[in-house]
């Protein structure tokens, strides 16, 4: 490949990139990339979402690592929060 051919190829690539950038600027970003709201529930609130579910059962599922959670606060006295979507997914979308 000669130097002239390389320069022509680079010029084509630059032109294509500029056209792509201009097209991206004129089109709005898709809404799919927008962050989704996450609803977190306390253990007591989890029992209200699934009828017949006890606080003990929720704690057991957390201890067995079958249900993801986060603990707010410090140490064992921190409040346990469970994602509502994770809870509903675990129980097959039951409400």
Protein backbone atom coordinates (compact mmCIF):
# COMPACT_ATOMS: atom_id res chain seq x y z
CA UNK A 1 0.00 0.00 0.00
CA UNK A 2 1.43 3.32 -0.99
CA UNK A 3 1.49 6.43 1.17
CA UNK A 4 -1.11 8.05 -1.08
CA UNK A 5 -3.47 5.06 -0.66
CA UNK A 6 -3.00 5.17 3.11
CA UNK A 7 -3.80 8.88 3.21
CA UNK A 8 -6.94 8.34 1.11
CA UNK A 9 -8.05 5.52 3.40
CA UNK A 10 -7.50 7.68 6.50
CA UNK A 11 -9.44 10.52 4.87
CA UNK A 12 -12.36 8.16 4.20
CA UNK A 13 -12.34 6.90 7.78
CA UNK A 14 -12.27 10.47 9.14
CA UNK A 15 -15.19 11.43 6.89
CA UNK A 16 -17.22 8.42 8.05
CA UNK A 17 -16.47 9.16 11.72
CA UNK A 18 -17.50 12.81 11.32
CA UNK A 19 -20.76 11.76 9.68
CA UNK A 20 -21.43 9.29 12.50
CA UNK A 21 -20.73 11.90 15.17
CA UNK A 22 -23.06 14.39 13.50
CA UNK A 23 -25.80 11.76 13.25
CA UNK A 24 -25.39 10.85 16.95
CA UNK A 25 -25.64 14.49 17.99
CA UNK A 26 -28.90 15.05 16.11
CA UNK A 27 -30.59 11.90 17.46
CA UNK A 28 -31.70 11.81 21.11
CA UNK A 29 -30.24 9.11 23.32
CA UNK A 30 -32.48 6.04 23.73
CA UNK A 31 -34.48 5.87 26.95
CA UNK A 32 -33.32 2.32 27.63
CA UNK A 33 -30.10 3.64 29.17
CA UNK A 34 -31.99 5.66 31.76
CA UNK A 35 -31.48 4.29 35.28
CA UNK A 36 -34.47 2.45 36.67
CA UNK A 37 -35.81 3.12 40.12
CA UNK A 38 -35.14 0.37 42.62
CA UNK A 39 -37.65 -0.16 45.39
CA UNK A 40 -36.15 -1.59 48.56
CA UNK A 41 -38.26 -3.24 51.25
CA UNK A 42 -37.64 -3.94 54.91
CA UNK A 43 -38.23 -7.47 56.14
CA UNK A 44 -41.61 -6.45 57.52
CA UNK A 45 -42.59 -4.86 54.20
CA UNK A 46 -41.57 -8.08 52.39
CA UNK A 47 -44.17 -9.98 54.39
CA UNK A 48 -46.80 -7.52 53.18
CA UNK A 49 -45.88 -8.08 49.53
CA UNK A 50 -46.20 -11.88 49.64
CA UNK A 51 -49.22 -13.10 51.58
CA UNK A 52 -48.47 -15.88 54.04
CA UNK A 53 -44.76 -15.08 54.18
CA UNK A 54 -43.23 -14.64 57.63
CA UNK A 55 -40.31 -12.49 58.74
CA UNK A 56 -38.55 -15.68 59.84
CA UNK A 57 -38.78 -17.09 56.30
CA UNK A 58 -37.29 -13.91 54.82
CA UNK A 59 -34.42 -14.03 57.32
CA UNK A 60 -33.81 -17.69 56.49
CA UNK A 61 -33.71 -16.99 52.75
CA UNK A 62 -31.20 -14.21 53.39
CA UNK A 63 -29.07 -16.43 55.64
CA UNK A 64 -29.08 -19.17 52.97
CA UNK A 65 -28.04 -16.56 50.37
CA UNK A 66 -31.12 -17.31 48.29
CA UNK A 67 -32.31 -13.70 48.46
CA UNK A 68 -29.94 -10.77 47.86
CA UNK A 69 -29.99 -7.94 50.41
CA UNK A 70 -28.10 -4.95 51.71
CA UNK A 71 -27.62 -3.92 55.30
CA UNK A 72 -27.81 -0.24 56.16
CA UNK A 73 -26.24 1.14 59.27
CA UNK A 74 -23.45 -0.48 61.23
CA UNK A 75 -23.00 -4.06 62.29
CA UNK A 76 -25.80 -6.44 63.13
CA UNK A 77 -28.08 -3.61 64.22
CA UNK A 78 -28.29 -2.27 60.67
CA UNK A 79 -31.58 -2.51 58.84
CA UNK A 80 -31.84 -5.24 56.19
CA UNK A 81 -33.27 -4.15 52.84
CA UNK A 82 -34.36 -6.43 50.01
CA UNK A 83 -35.07 -5.38 46.45
CA UNK A 84 -38.77 -5.70 45.68
CA UNK A 85 -38.02 -7.05 42.20
CA UNK A 86 -35.64 -9.70 43.62
CA UNK A 87 -38.30 -10.77 46.14
CA UNK A 88 -40.99 -11.05 43.48
CA UNK A 89 -38.63 -12.85 41.08
CA UNK A 90 -37.75 -15.40 43.77
CA UNK A 91 -41.41 -16.19 44.36
CA UNK A 92 -42.20 -16.30 40.65
CA UNK A 93 -43.82 -12.88 40.42
CA UNK A 94 -46.46 -13.72 43.00
CA UNK A 95 -48.06 -10.76 44.69
